[in-house]
C-alpha cells in the first residue's frame, strides 16, 4: 500500500512538472505536450450560436486568429443546447466544406445578436442559406452522412472535454482553458499567445 501511494505521488508530481512549462490557466483533459514540441497548435472552440459569451469571444479574437493563422489551427465546433434545432450547425458545416465557414459563422452571430432573430428556427436558416447563395448546397448536403458524422463528433467532444458551458476552449486536445481565471475574455485573448509560445517548436 505504501509503495502504491509513493508511486501515485511520483506520478502526480511528474504530471504537475510536465505541465508547468506551459503557461496559462487550464485543466488537463489529456496528456499535455512537452514545451516546444508542437509544430502547429490545435485550438478547438466549442461554441453555441445563441451564446452571448461566444459572440464576445468571436469579436475579441478576430485579430488573434488572423495574427496566428500560420501557427495555430483554429477549429470551431458548434453545439446545441437542449431544445435547440441543429439546422445552424448543418448550415455551418456545409459552408465550411465550401470554404465559407467563417462567413456563415459571422452571419449567424450577427443575425442572433444584432438583429435579435432566433437562428435555431429552421425557417430562418433556410432564409439565410438562400440569402448567402448557399441554398442549393444546403438542401443537397445538410442531411448527408458526413454532416451527421460532424454532429456526432461534436457531441463526443462535449463528453470528452466535460463541457459545462460555452465557450469552451481546448488546446491540443488536452488543455481545457479556464477562461474565467483570466478575469475577462479580453484578457484571455491577450494572454493565450503565451501558451502558444510555450507549445510551439522553436525554429
N, C-alpha and C. Protein backbone atom coordinates (compact mmCIF):
# COMPACT_ATOMS: atom_id res chain seq x y z
N UNK A 1 0.83 -1.20 0.00
CA UNK A 1 0.00 0.00 0.00
C UNK A 1 0.87 1.26 0.00
N UNK A 2 1.93 1.23 0.83
CA UNK A 2 2.83 2.38 0.92
C UNK A 2 3.51 2.63 -0.41
N UNK A 3 3.94 1.54 -1.09
CA UNK A 3 4.61 1.69 -2.38
C UNK A 3 3.66 2.25 -3.43
N UNK A 4 2.37 1.88 -3.33
CA UNK A 4 1.38 2.38 -4.27
C UNK A 4 1.19 3.88 -4.09
N UNK A 5 1.12 4.33 -2.82
CA UNK A 5 0.96 5.75 -2.55
C UNK A 5 2.17 6.53 -3.04
N UNK A 6 3.35 5.93 -2.85
CA UNK A 6 4.58 6.58 -3.33
C UNK A 6 4.55 6.74 -4.83
N UNK A 7 4.12 5.68 -5.53
CA UNK A 7 4.04 5.72 -6.99
C UNK A 7 3.07 6.79 -7.45
N UNK A 8 1.90 6.86 -6.79
CA UNK A 8 0.90 7.87 -7.14
C UNK A 8 1.47 9.27 -6.93
N UNK A 9 2.19 9.46 -5.83
CA UNK A 9 2.78 10.77 -5.53
C UNK A 9 3.79 11.15 -6.61
N UNK A 10 4.59 10.19 -7.01
CA UNK A 10 5.60 10.44 -8.06
C UNK A 10 4.92 10.82 -9.36
N UNK A 11 3.85 10.07 -9.71
CA UNK A 11 3.14 10.35 -10.94
C UNK A 11 2.49 11.72 -10.90
N UNK A 12 1.93 12.11 -9.75
CA UNK A 12 1.29 13.40 -9.61
C UNK A 12 2.30 14.53 -9.78
N UNK A 13 3.45 14.38 -9.10
CA UNK A 13 4.49 15.40 -9.22
C UNK A 13 4.98 15.49 -10.65
N UNK A 14 5.15 14.33 -11.29
CA UNK A 14 5.61 14.31 -12.68
C UNK A 14 4.62 15.02 -13.58
N UNK A 15 3.32 14.77 -13.37
CA UNK A 15 2.29 15.40 -14.19
C UNK A 15 2.31 16.91 -14.01
N UNK A 16 2.42 17.35 -12.74
CA UNK A 16 2.43 18.78 -12.47
C UNK A 16 3.67 19.43 -13.08
N UNK A 17 4.81 18.75 -12.96
CA UNK A 17 6.04 19.28 -13.52
C UNK A 17 5.98 19.31 -15.04
N UNK A 18 5.36 18.27 -15.60
CA UNK A 18 5.27 18.13 -17.04
C UNK A 18 4.50 19.29 -17.65
N UNK A 19 3.43 19.75 -16.94
CA UNK A 19 2.60 20.82 -17.46
C UNK A 19 3.08 22.20 -17.03
N UNK A 20 4.03 22.23 -16.09
CA UNK A 20 4.44 23.50 -15.51
C UNK A 20 5.13 24.41 -16.51
N UNK A 21 5.72 23.84 -17.56
CA UNK A 21 6.42 24.63 -18.56
C UNK A 21 5.47 25.34 -19.52
N UNK A 22 4.20 25.00 -19.47
CA UNK A 22 3.21 25.60 -20.37
C UNK A 22 2.40 26.62 -19.58
N UNK A 23 2.57 27.88 -19.89
CA UNK A 23 1.86 28.92 -19.17
C UNK A 23 0.38 28.95 -19.54
N UNK A 24 -0.44 29.41 -18.58
CA UNK A 24 -1.86 29.55 -18.82
C UNK A 24 -2.68 28.89 -17.73
N UNK A 25 -3.95 29.21 -17.68
CA UNK A 25 -4.88 28.60 -16.75
C UNK A 25 -5.67 27.52 -17.47
N UNK A 26 -5.48 26.29 -17.07
CA UNK A 26 -6.17 25.20 -17.76
C UNK A 26 -6.26 23.97 -16.87
N UNK A 27 -7.19 23.11 -17.24
CA UNK A 27 -7.34 21.81 -16.59
C UNK A 27 -6.95 20.74 -17.59
N UNK A 28 -6.03 19.85 -17.26
CA UNK A 28 -5.67 18.78 -18.21
C UNK A 28 -6.85 17.84 -18.43
N UNK A 29 -7.16 17.59 -19.69
CA UNK A 29 -8.18 16.60 -20.04
C UNK A 29 -7.56 15.52 -20.94
N UNK A 30 -6.24 15.49 -20.94
CA UNK A 30 -5.48 14.53 -21.72
C UNK A 30 -4.01 14.82 -21.48
N UNK A 31 -3.11 14.05 -22.10
CA UNK A 31 -1.67 14.26 -21.91
C UNK A 31 -1.24 15.62 -22.47
N UNK A 32 -0.73 16.48 -21.62
CA UNK A 32 -0.28 17.81 -22.04
C UNK A 32 1.09 17.67 -22.72
N UNK A 33 1.27 18.24 -23.91
CA UNK A 33 2.55 18.12 -24.61
C UNK A 33 3.69 18.77 -23.83
N UNK A 34 4.89 18.30 -24.07
CA UNK A 34 6.07 18.97 -23.52
C UNK A 34 6.24 20.32 -24.22
N UNK A 35 6.96 21.21 -23.57
CA UNK A 35 7.19 22.53 -24.13
C UNK A 35 7.96 22.44 -25.45
N UNK A 36 7.58 23.29 -26.38
CA UNK A 36 8.28 23.46 -27.65
C UNK A 36 8.37 22.17 -28.47
N UNK A 37 7.26 21.44 -28.51
CA UNK A 37 7.23 20.19 -29.29
C UNK A 37 6.12 20.17 -30.35
N UNK A 38 5.35 21.24 -30.44
CA UNK A 38 4.20 21.26 -31.34
C UNK A 38 4.49 22.11 -32.57
N UNK A 39 4.27 21.56 -33.74
CA UNK A 39 4.54 22.30 -34.97
C UNK A 39 3.45 23.33 -35.25
N UNK A 40 2.19 22.95 -35.04
CA UNK A 40 1.08 23.87 -35.20
C UNK A 40 0.06 23.56 -34.12
N UNK A 41 -0.27 24.55 -33.32
CA UNK A 41 -1.15 24.37 -32.17
C UNK A 41 -2.59 24.15 -32.63
N UNK A 42 -3.26 23.19 -32.02
CA UNK A 42 -4.69 22.93 -32.30
C UNK A 42 -5.53 23.62 -31.22
N UNK A 43 -6.36 24.57 -31.64
CA UNK A 43 -7.18 25.39 -30.75
C UNK A 43 -8.64 25.10 -31.10
N UNK A 44 -9.29 24.27 -30.26
CA UNK A 44 -10.68 23.92 -30.51
C UNK A 44 -11.58 24.80 -29.65
N UNK A 45 -12.57 25.40 -30.28
CA UNK A 45 -13.54 26.22 -29.55
C UNK A 45 -14.93 25.63 -29.72
N UNK A 46 -15.47 25.12 -28.63
CA UNK A 46 -16.84 24.64 -28.64
C UNK A 46 -17.74 25.83 -28.34
N UNK A 47 -18.66 26.09 -29.24
CA UNK A 47 -19.46 27.31 -29.16
C UNK A 47 -20.92 27.03 -29.49
N UNK A 48 -21.74 28.00 -29.13
CA UNK A 48 -23.16 27.94 -29.43
C UNK A 48 -23.55 29.25 -30.08
N UNK A 49 -24.28 29.19 -31.18
CA UNK A 49 -24.59 30.41 -31.93
C UNK A 49 -25.58 31.32 -31.21
N UNK A 50 -26.13 30.86 -30.09
CA UNK A 50 -27.01 31.72 -29.30
C UNK A 50 -26.37 32.19 -28.01
N UNK A 51 -25.09 31.93 -27.86
CA UNK A 51 -24.37 32.25 -26.61
C UNK A 51 -23.69 33.61 -26.73
N UNK A 52 -24.07 34.54 -25.86
CA UNK A 52 -23.51 35.89 -25.93
C UNK A 52 -22.01 35.89 -25.61
N UNK A 53 -21.58 34.98 -24.73
CA UNK A 53 -20.15 34.91 -24.39
C UNK A 53 -19.34 34.40 -25.58
N UNK A 54 -19.93 33.49 -26.35
CA UNK A 54 -19.27 33.01 -27.57
C UNK A 54 -19.16 34.15 -28.58
N UNK A 55 -20.19 34.96 -28.66
CA UNK A 55 -20.15 36.11 -29.56
C UNK A 55 -19.08 37.10 -29.12
N UNK A 56 -18.95 37.28 -27.81
CA UNK A 56 -17.92 38.18 -27.29
C UNK A 56 -16.52 37.65 -27.60
N UNK A 57 -16.32 36.34 -27.46
CA UNK A 57 -15.02 35.76 -27.78
C UNK A 57 -14.75 35.85 -29.27
N UNK A 58 -15.78 35.65 -30.07
CA UNK A 58 -15.63 35.79 -31.53
C UNK A 58 -15.10 37.17 -31.88
N UNK A 59 -15.71 38.20 -31.34
CA UNK A 59 -15.29 39.57 -31.65
C UNK A 59 -13.90 39.87 -31.10
N UNK A 60 -13.63 39.40 -29.90
CA UNK A 60 -12.35 39.70 -29.25
C UNK A 60 -11.18 38.98 -29.91
N UNK A 61 -11.45 37.84 -30.56
CA UNK A 61 -10.35 37.02 -31.08
C UNK A 61 -10.14 37.14 -32.59
N UNK A 62 -10.83 38.06 -33.24
CA UNK A 62 -10.67 38.20 -34.69
C UNK A 62 -9.22 38.49 -35.06
N UNK A 63 -8.60 39.42 -34.36
CA UNK A 63 -7.21 39.78 -34.65
C UNK A 63 -6.27 38.65 -34.28
N UNK A 64 -6.56 37.98 -33.16
CA UNK A 64 -5.73 36.84 -32.72
C UNK A 64 -5.71 35.76 -33.79
N UNK A 65 -6.87 35.43 -34.33
CA UNK A 65 -6.96 34.39 -35.35
C UNK A 65 -6.22 34.76 -36.62
N UNK A 66 -6.26 36.03 -36.94
CA UNK A 66 -5.55 36.49 -38.13
C UNK A 66 -4.04 36.48 -37.91
N UNK A 67 -3.63 36.94 -36.75
CA UNK A 67 -2.20 37.05 -36.45
C UNK A 67 -1.52 35.69 -36.34
N UNK A 68 -2.23 34.69 -35.81
CA UNK A 68 -1.63 33.39 -35.56
C UNK A 68 -2.10 32.30 -36.53
N UNK A 69 -2.64 32.71 -37.65
CA UNK A 69 -3.19 31.75 -38.60
C UNK A 69 -2.17 30.73 -39.08
N UNK A 70 -0.91 31.12 -39.17
CA UNK A 70 0.12 30.20 -39.65
C UNK A 70 0.64 29.27 -38.56
N UNK A 71 0.40 29.62 -37.30
CA UNK A 71 0.95 28.84 -36.19
C UNK A 71 -0.10 28.06 -35.41
N UNK A 72 -1.36 28.46 -35.58
CA UNK A 72 -2.44 27.86 -34.80
C UNK A 72 -3.59 27.47 -35.73
N UNK A 73 -4.06 26.25 -35.55
CA UNK A 73 -5.22 25.77 -36.31
C UNK A 73 -6.46 26.01 -35.46
N UNK A 74 -7.20 27.06 -35.80
CA UNK A 74 -8.41 27.42 -35.04
C UNK A 74 -9.59 26.60 -35.57
N UNK A 75 -10.14 25.76 -34.73
CA UNK A 75 -11.22 24.85 -35.13
C UNK A 75 -12.48 25.19 -34.33
N UNK A 76 -13.52 25.57 -35.05
CA UNK A 76 -14.80 25.86 -34.41
C UNK A 76 -15.66 24.60 -34.38
N UNK A 77 -16.21 24.31 -33.21
CA UNK A 77 -17.08 23.14 -33.04
C UNK A 77 -18.40 23.63 -32.47
N UNK A 78 -19.36 23.97 -33.34
CA UNK A 78 -20.66 24.45 -32.83
C UNK A 78 -21.46 23.32 -32.22
N UNK A 79 -22.19 23.64 -31.15
CA UNK A 79 -23.04 22.66 -30.48
C UNK A 79 -24.40 23.29 -30.23
N UNK A 80 -25.36 22.46 -29.85
CA UNK A 80 -26.67 22.96 -29.45
C UNK A 80 -26.90 22.65 -27.98
N UNK A 81 -27.78 23.43 -27.38
CA UNK A 81 -28.26 23.13 -26.04
C UNK A 81 -29.62 22.46 -26.16
N UNK A 82 -30.10 21.92 -25.07
CA UNK A 82 -31.36 21.19 -25.07
C UNK A 82 -32.49 22.05 -25.66
N UNK A 83 -33.23 21.46 -26.59
CA UNK A 83 -34.37 22.14 -27.17
C UNK A 83 -34.05 22.97 -28.40
N UNK A 84 -32.77 23.12 -28.72
CA UNK A 84 -32.38 23.90 -29.91
C UNK A 84 -32.30 23.01 -31.14
N UNK A 85 -32.77 23.51 -32.27
CA UNK A 85 -32.66 22.78 -33.52
C UNK A 85 -31.22 22.86 -34.03
N UNK A 86 -30.77 21.81 -34.71
CA UNK A 86 -29.38 21.79 -35.16
C UNK A 86 -29.17 22.34 -36.57
N UNK A 87 -30.18 22.98 -37.15
CA UNK A 87 -30.05 23.49 -38.52
C UNK A 87 -28.92 24.50 -38.70
N UNK A 88 -28.64 25.40 -37.73
CA UNK A 88 -27.49 26.30 -37.95
C UNK A 88 -26.16 25.56 -38.00
N UNK A 89 -26.05 24.46 -37.26
CA UNK A 89 -24.82 23.67 -37.31
C UNK A 89 -24.66 23.04 -38.68
N UNK A 90 -25.77 22.54 -39.22
CA UNK A 90 -25.72 21.90 -40.54
C UNK A 90 -25.33 22.92 -41.62
N UNK A 91 -25.89 24.12 -41.52
CA UNK A 91 -25.52 25.16 -42.49
C UNK A 91 -24.05 25.52 -42.34
N UNK A 92 -23.57 25.62 -41.12
CA UNK A 92 -22.17 25.95 -40.90
C UNK A 92 -21.25 24.90 -41.52
N UNK A 93 -21.55 23.62 -41.31
CA UNK A 93 -20.67 22.58 -41.82
C UNK A 93 -20.68 22.51 -43.34
N UNK A 94 -21.85 22.72 -43.94
CA UNK A 94 -21.92 22.76 -45.41
C UNK A 94 -21.08 23.93 -45.92
N UNK A 95 -21.21 25.08 -45.29
CA UNK A 95 -20.44 26.25 -45.69
C UNK A 95 -18.95 26.04 -45.48
N UNK A 96 -18.59 25.41 -44.38
CA UNK A 96 -17.18 25.16 -44.07
C UNK A 96 -16.54 24.30 -45.16
N UNK A 97 -17.26 23.30 -45.62
CA UNK A 97 -16.73 22.44 -46.68
C UNK A 97 -16.50 23.23 -47.97
N UNK A 98 -17.28 24.28 -48.16
CA UNK A 98 -17.16 25.12 -49.36
C UNK A 98 -16.18 26.27 -49.14
N UNK A 99 -15.52 26.30 -47.99
CA UNK A 99 -14.59 27.37 -47.70
C UNK A 99 -15.26 28.65 -47.25
N UNK A 100 -16.52 28.54 -46.82
CA UNK A 100 -17.28 29.73 -46.42
C UNK A 100 -17.75 29.65 -44.97
N UNK A 101 -17.08 28.84 -44.18
CA UNK A 101 -17.47 28.66 -42.79
C UNK A 101 -17.38 29.95 -41.98
N UNK A 102 -16.31 30.70 -42.18
CA UNK A 102 -16.13 31.95 -41.44
C UNK A 102 -17.26 32.92 -41.75
N UNK A 103 -17.63 33.03 -43.02
CA UNK A 103 -18.70 33.94 -43.42
C UNK A 103 -20.02 33.56 -42.74
N UNK A 104 -20.34 32.28 -42.74
CA UNK A 104 -21.60 31.83 -42.15
C UNK A 104 -21.57 31.99 -40.63
N UNK A 105 -20.45 31.70 -40.01
CA UNK A 105 -20.33 31.90 -38.56
C UNK A 105 -20.61 33.35 -38.21
N UNK A 106 -19.99 34.28 -38.93
CA UNK A 106 -20.20 35.70 -38.67
C UNK A 106 -21.67 36.08 -38.86
N UNK A 107 -22.27 35.55 -39.92
CA UNK A 107 -23.66 35.89 -40.22
C UNK A 107 -24.63 35.34 -39.19
N UNK A 108 -24.36 34.14 -38.69
CA UNK A 108 -25.22 33.55 -37.67
C UNK A 108 -25.18 34.37 -36.37
N UNK A 109 -23.98 34.76 -35.96
CA UNK A 109 -23.88 35.57 -34.75
C UNK A 109 -24.49 36.96 -34.96
N UNK A 110 -24.28 37.53 -36.15
CA UNK A 110 -24.86 38.84 -36.43
C UNK A 110 -26.38 38.78 -36.42
N UNK A 111 -26.92 37.74 -37.02
CA UNK A 111 -28.37 37.58 -37.06
C UNK A 111 -28.95 37.45 -35.65
N UNK A 112 -28.27 36.70 -34.82
CA UNK A 112 -28.76 36.48 -33.46
C UNK A 112 -28.62 37.72 -32.58
N UNK A 113 -27.46 38.38 -32.62
CA UNK A 113 -27.19 39.43 -31.64
C UNK A 113 -27.36 40.85 -32.14
N UNK A 114 -27.32 41.06 -33.44
CA UNK A 114 -27.59 42.40 -33.96
C UNK A 114 -29.05 42.56 -34.35
N UNK A 115 -29.60 41.50 -34.96
CA UNK A 115 -31.00 41.58 -35.41
C UNK A 115 -31.96 40.88 -34.44
N UNK A 116 -31.40 40.21 -33.43
CA UNK A 116 -32.19 39.53 -32.40
C UNK A 116 -33.19 38.54 -33.00
N UNK A 117 -32.70 37.76 -33.94
CA UNK A 117 -33.50 36.74 -34.61
C UNK A 117 -33.07 35.36 -34.13
N UNK A 118 -34.01 34.47 -33.94
CA UNK A 118 -33.73 33.12 -33.46
C UNK A 118 -33.10 32.28 -34.58
N UNK A 119 -31.80 32.04 -34.46
CA UNK A 119 -31.11 31.29 -35.51
C UNK A 119 -31.31 29.78 -35.38
N UNK A 120 -32.07 29.35 -34.38
CA UNK A 120 -32.36 27.93 -34.24
C UNK A 120 -33.73 27.58 -34.84
N UNK A 121 -34.27 28.52 -35.58
CA UNK A 121 -35.51 28.31 -36.34
C UNK A 121 -35.14 27.82 -37.73
N UNK A 122 -35.52 26.59 -38.11
CA UNK A 122 -35.14 26.06 -39.43
C UNK A 122 -35.56 26.96 -40.58
N UNK A 123 -36.68 27.66 -40.43
CA UNK A 123 -37.11 28.58 -41.49
C UNK A 123 -36.14 29.73 -41.66
N UNK A 124 -35.61 30.24 -40.55
CA UNK A 124 -34.61 31.32 -40.62
C UNK A 124 -33.34 30.81 -41.29
N UNK A 125 -32.95 29.60 -40.97
CA UNK A 125 -31.73 29.03 -41.57
C UNK A 125 -31.92 28.82 -43.07
N UNK A 126 -33.09 28.39 -43.49
CA UNK A 126 -33.38 28.26 -44.92
C UNK A 126 -33.26 29.62 -45.61
N UNK A 127 -33.78 30.65 -44.94
CA UNK A 127 -33.70 32.01 -45.50
C UNK A 127 -32.24 32.47 -45.59
N UNK A 128 -31.46 32.23 -44.54
CA UNK A 128 -30.06 32.64 -44.55
C UNK A 128 -29.28 31.92 -45.64
N UNK A 129 -29.53 30.61 -45.76
CA UNK A 129 -28.84 29.84 -46.80
C UNK A 129 -29.11 30.43 -48.17
N UNK A 130 -30.35 30.79 -48.40
CA UNK A 130 -30.73 31.36 -49.70
C UNK A 130 -30.10 32.73 -49.90
N UNK A 131 -30.16 33.57 -48.87
CA UNK A 131 -29.62 34.93 -48.99
C UNK A 131 -28.10 34.94 -49.14
N UNK A 132 -27.45 33.90 -48.66
CA UNK A 132 -25.99 33.80 -48.76
C UNK A 132 -25.54 33.02 -49.99
N UNK A 133 -26.48 32.62 -50.81
CA UNK A 133 -26.15 31.90 -52.03
C UNK A 133 -25.75 30.45 -51.80
N UNK A 134 -26.23 29.89 -50.69
CA UNK A 134 -25.86 28.51 -50.35
C UNK A 134 -27.07 27.58 -50.35
N UNK A 135 -28.18 28.04 -50.88
CA UNK A 135 -29.42 27.29 -50.78
C UNK A 135 -29.32 25.90 -51.40
N UNK A 136 -28.83 25.81 -52.61
CA UNK A 136 -28.74 24.50 -53.29
C UNK A 136 -27.83 23.55 -52.54
N UNK A 137 -26.68 24.05 -52.15
CA UNK A 137 -25.72 23.20 -51.44
C UNK A 137 -26.28 22.75 -50.08
N UNK A 138 -26.94 23.67 -49.40
CA UNK A 138 -27.50 23.35 -48.09
C UNK A 138 -28.58 22.29 -48.20
N UNK A 139 -29.47 22.46 -49.16
CA UNK A 139 -30.56 21.49 -49.34
C UNK A 139 -30.01 20.12 -49.76
N UNK A 140 -28.94 20.13 -50.56
CA UNK A 140 -28.39 18.88 -51.08
C UNK A 140 -27.53 18.14 -50.06
N UNK A 141 -26.83 18.88 -49.19
CA UNK A 141 -25.81 18.26 -48.34
C UNK A 141 -26.15 18.18 -46.85
N UNK A 142 -27.07 18.98 -46.37
CA UNK A 142 -27.24 19.14 -44.91
C UNK A 142 -27.66 17.88 -44.16
N UNK A 143 -28.21 16.90 -44.89
CA UNK A 143 -28.63 15.66 -44.23
C UNK A 143 -27.76 14.47 -44.64
N UNK A 144 -26.65 14.76 -45.28
CA UNK A 144 -25.77 13.69 -45.74
C UNK A 144 -25.03 13.07 -44.55
N UNK A 145 -24.57 11.82 -44.70
CA UNK A 145 -23.86 11.14 -43.61
C UNK A 145 -22.64 11.91 -43.08
N UNK A 146 -21.95 12.62 -43.95
CA UNK A 146 -20.76 13.33 -43.47
C UNK A 146 -21.13 14.45 -42.50
N UNK A 147 -22.30 15.07 -42.69
CA UNK A 147 -22.76 16.10 -41.76
C UNK A 147 -23.18 15.44 -40.45
N UNK A 148 -23.87 14.31 -40.55
CA UNK A 148 -24.26 13.59 -39.33
C UNK A 148 -23.02 13.19 -38.52
N UNK A 149 -21.96 12.82 -39.22
CA UNK A 149 -20.72 12.45 -38.55
C UNK A 149 -20.11 13.65 -37.82
N UNK A 150 -20.20 14.83 -38.43
CA UNK A 150 -19.69 16.05 -37.80
C UNK A 150 -20.47 16.34 -36.51
N UNK A 151 -21.78 16.20 -36.58
CA UNK A 151 -22.62 16.45 -35.40
C UNK A 151 -22.31 15.44 -34.29
N UNK A 152 -22.11 14.19 -34.68
CA UNK A 152 -21.79 13.16 -33.70
C UNK A 152 -20.42 13.41 -33.06
N UNK A 153 -19.48 13.87 -33.86
CA UNK A 153 -18.15 14.18 -33.34
C UNK A 153 -18.20 15.33 -32.34
N UNK A 154 -19.02 16.32 -32.63
CA UNK A 154 -19.17 17.45 -31.70
C UNK A 154 -19.76 16.97 -30.37
N UNK A 155 -20.71 16.08 -30.46
CA UNK A 155 -21.32 15.52 -29.24
C UNK A 155 -20.29 14.73 -28.45
N UNK A 156 -19.46 13.99 -29.15
CA UNK A 156 -18.42 13.22 -28.48
C UNK A 156 -17.43 14.14 -27.77
N UNK A 157 -17.10 15.26 -28.41
CA UNK A 157 -16.16 16.21 -27.81
C UNK A 157 -16.73 16.82 -26.54
N UNK A 158 -18.03 17.11 -26.53
CA UNK A 158 -18.62 17.69 -25.32
C UNK A 158 -18.48 16.75 -24.14
N UNK A 159 -18.59 15.45 -24.40
CA UNK A 159 -18.44 14.47 -23.33
C UNK A 159 -16.96 14.29 -22.96
N UNK A 160 -16.11 14.22 -23.97
CA UNK A 160 -14.68 14.02 -23.74
C UNK A 160 -14.09 15.15 -22.91
N UNK A 161 -14.51 16.38 -23.20
CA UNK A 161 -13.94 17.54 -22.53
C UNK A 161 -14.74 17.97 -21.29
N UNK A 162 -15.79 17.25 -20.99
CA UNK A 162 -16.59 17.59 -19.83
C UNK A 162 -17.19 18.98 -19.92
N UNK A 163 -17.77 19.29 -21.05
CA UNK A 163 -18.31 20.62 -21.29
C UNK A 163 -19.46 20.93 -20.33
N UNK A 164 -19.38 22.10 -19.71
CA UNK A 164 -20.45 22.55 -18.81
C UNK A 164 -21.04 23.88 -19.28
N UNK A 165 -20.45 24.49 -20.28
CA UNK A 165 -20.95 25.76 -20.81
C UNK A 165 -20.10 26.18 -22.00
N UNK A 166 -20.50 27.26 -22.62
CA UNK A 166 -19.76 27.77 -23.77
C UNK A 166 -19.43 29.25 -23.55
N UNK A 167 -18.33 29.72 -24.15
CA UNK A 167 -17.41 28.96 -24.99
C UNK A 167 -16.48 28.10 -24.14
N UNK A 168 -16.10 26.96 -24.68
CA UNK A 168 -15.09 26.10 -24.07
C UNK A 168 -13.94 25.97 -25.07
N UNK A 169 -12.75 26.33 -24.63
CA UNK A 169 -11.57 26.25 -25.48
C UNK A 169 -10.66 25.14 -24.97
N UNK A 170 -10.28 24.25 -25.88
CA UNK A 170 -9.36 23.16 -25.54
C UNK A 170 -8.18 23.23 -26.51
N UNK A 171 -6.99 23.29 -25.96
CA UNK A 171 -5.78 23.38 -26.77
C UNK A 171 -5.07 22.04 -26.79
N UNK A 172 -4.72 21.60 -28.00
CA UNK A 172 -4.03 20.33 -28.22
C UNK A 172 -4.81 19.13 -27.68
N UNK A 173 -6.12 19.26 -27.63
CA UNK A 173 -6.95 18.15 -27.17
C UNK A 173 -6.70 17.74 -25.74
N UNK A 174 -5.98 18.57 -24.99
CA UNK A 174 -5.57 18.16 -23.64
C UNK A 174 -5.64 19.26 -22.60
N UNK A 175 -5.74 20.52 -23.02
CA UNK A 175 -5.69 21.64 -22.10
C UNK A 175 -7.00 22.42 -22.18
N UNK A 176 -7.89 22.17 -21.24
CA UNK A 176 -9.19 22.86 -21.20
C UNK A 176 -8.98 24.19 -20.50
N UNK A 177 -9.02 25.26 -21.29
CA UNK A 177 -8.66 26.57 -20.77
C UNK A 177 -9.73 27.10 -19.82
N UNK A 178 -9.27 27.63 -18.68
CA UNK A 178 -10.17 28.20 -17.68
C UNK A 178 -10.26 29.70 -17.92
N UNK A 179 -11.13 30.07 -18.85
CA UNK A 179 -11.21 31.47 -19.28
C UNK A 179 -11.56 32.38 -18.10
N UNK A 180 -12.39 31.90 -17.19
CA UNK A 180 -12.79 32.71 -16.05
C UNK A 180 -11.63 33.17 -15.20
N UNK A 181 -10.60 32.35 -15.08
CA UNK A 181 -9.45 32.68 -14.23
C UNK A 181 -8.59 33.79 -14.83
N UNK A 182 -8.78 34.07 -16.10
CA UNK A 182 -8.05 35.18 -16.73
C UNK A 182 -8.66 36.53 -16.35
N UNK A 183 -9.90 36.50 -15.86
CA UNK A 183 -10.55 37.73 -15.45
C UNK A 183 -11.54 38.28 -16.45
N UNK A 184 -11.27 38.06 -17.73
CA UNK A 184 -12.17 38.51 -18.79
C UNK A 184 -11.80 37.81 -20.09
N UNK A 185 -12.71 37.82 -21.03
CA UNK A 185 -12.43 37.23 -22.33
C UNK A 185 -11.30 37.98 -23.02
N UNK A 186 -11.29 39.30 -22.87
CA UNK A 186 -10.24 40.11 -23.49
C UNK A 186 -8.86 39.76 -22.94
N UNK A 187 -8.80 39.52 -21.63
CA UNK A 187 -7.51 39.17 -21.02
C UNK A 187 -7.08 37.78 -21.47
N UNK A 188 -8.03 36.86 -21.61
CA UNK A 188 -7.70 35.54 -22.13
C UNK A 188 -7.09 35.64 -23.52
N UNK A 189 -7.72 36.43 -24.38
CA UNK A 189 -7.23 36.60 -25.76
C UNK A 189 -5.85 37.25 -25.75
N UNK A 190 -5.62 38.17 -24.84
CA UNK A 190 -4.33 38.85 -24.75
C UNK A 190 -3.22 37.92 -24.25
N UNK A 191 -3.58 36.98 -23.35
CA UNK A 191 -2.56 36.14 -22.70
C UNK A 191 -2.35 34.78 -23.34
N UNK A 192 -3.34 34.26 -24.08
CA UNK A 192 -3.20 32.91 -24.60
C UNK A 192 -2.03 32.75 -25.58
N UNK A 193 -1.54 33.80 -26.24
CA UNK A 193 -0.33 33.63 -27.04
C UNK A 193 0.87 33.12 -26.24
N UNK A 194 0.88 33.36 -24.92
CA UNK A 194 1.95 32.80 -24.08
C UNK A 194 1.89 31.27 -24.11
N UNK A 195 0.67 30.73 -24.08
CA UNK A 195 0.50 29.27 -24.16
C UNK A 195 0.97 28.77 -25.51
N UNK A 196 0.60 29.49 -26.57
CA UNK A 196 1.06 29.11 -27.92
C UNK A 196 2.59 29.07 -27.95
N UNK A 197 3.21 30.12 -27.43
CA UNK A 197 4.67 30.24 -27.49
C UNK A 197 5.36 29.09 -26.75
N UNK A 198 4.79 28.67 -25.64
CA UNK A 198 5.39 27.59 -24.86
C UNK A 198 5.22 26.24 -25.56
N UNK A 199 4.17 26.08 -26.34
CA UNK A 199 3.93 24.82 -27.03
C UNK A 199 4.70 24.70 -28.34
N UNK A 200 4.79 25.79 -29.07
CA UNK A 200 5.36 25.74 -30.42
C UNK A 200 6.84 25.40 -30.42
N UNK A 201 7.20 24.52 -31.35
CA UNK A 201 8.60 24.16 -31.52
C UNK A 201 9.39 25.37 -31.98
N UNK A 202 10.57 25.54 -31.46
CA UNK A 202 11.39 26.68 -31.85
C UNK A 202 11.96 26.46 -33.25
N UNK A 203 12.05 27.53 -34.03
CA UNK A 203 12.58 27.41 -35.40
C UNK A 203 14.00 26.86 -35.40
